[in-house]
């Protein structure tokens, strides 16, 4: 049995894939297997996977399947995994050579089922944009402690997979797997993890490099985006109800539902959205009536981000047309000024 199984879903990432695989192969002082699940790639990613497997047949396994999405791909990896621990890496990122060894050692020492560690976020092709993010959390040895400190956990990429390592026996015991929806499976997976988690180990060092790329899934128009995002908010609310902490974390529940409306607003102003202006206004008005007035307004009292504050104000006032205009203007400005702002930021950081 391997110490750890690295599971990597692969879909049309030929350009970035070698760096991710090399990161996995470069891990120090740990015996791990690498499971590459080619999810119906059409760009040559399959050939990259199989070339690496041919060079490292004892360490790398390739699973080829028709395109089903990253959730089913990770499930295929989980089913094949023999490691005591599971680590989910993305094929367009990379990570430190000590990631597995250091975090496995902590998990074994503290006998916990989940380890959370720091990461660095950066934009593709722009290393100067790197921002280090570390967990502001204590070590938690009981379910009660985890729930008491959950607010801090929530503010540290709670739905990401790549800044966490999971004990496989824990996942198996609670039958925790991924759903088949095309987006948001990572959030639903982690919410299920939190439902059963008794303790948590925290490593306040950065190991992973999360790289954002233009044209990511969150920036594309999706006809089903509202349905997918709503499922996450409802699952989160259910978690709080299961804990009997819905009053304590009412603001976080409201934040989840606000995120649903926020992303759907961005979806509606996307150039690929087929709706007319009036249809967009009616759609947003209906959504706010459906969930904004009941799930958001009564509980979301603060918003530090100026743009989100303005958007929330317009939505509360019933000004859907203004909300759509705000989002469209913001997106256009972001696209136009991202490069100049990045150069200015780099200058002052140096």
Foldseek 3Di string as FASTA:
>chain_A
DFQEEEEEEDAAPVVQQVQAVVQVVLAPPGGYAYEYEDAQHDNCVVVVLVVVCVVVVPRYDYHYDHHQAPQVSVVVSLVPDDHQKYAYDYRNWHWANHVVVVQSVQCVVLVFFKEFFKAWEEAPPCPLRIDTDFQPDDWWQFLVRCVVCVVSCVVRPQLDRRRMMGGSVLCVVQVQGFDRDRDDRSLLSSLSVNLPGTTYHYYGHHIIYHYDYPPDPLQDADPCLLVNLVVSLVSNCVSCVSVVNCVVVLQVSLVSLLVSLVSVLSNCLDPPRPDDLVVQLVVSLVSCVVDVVPRHVVRNDDDPDVLSVVLNVCSVVSNSSVNSVSSNVVVVVCVVCVVVVSVVVSVVVD
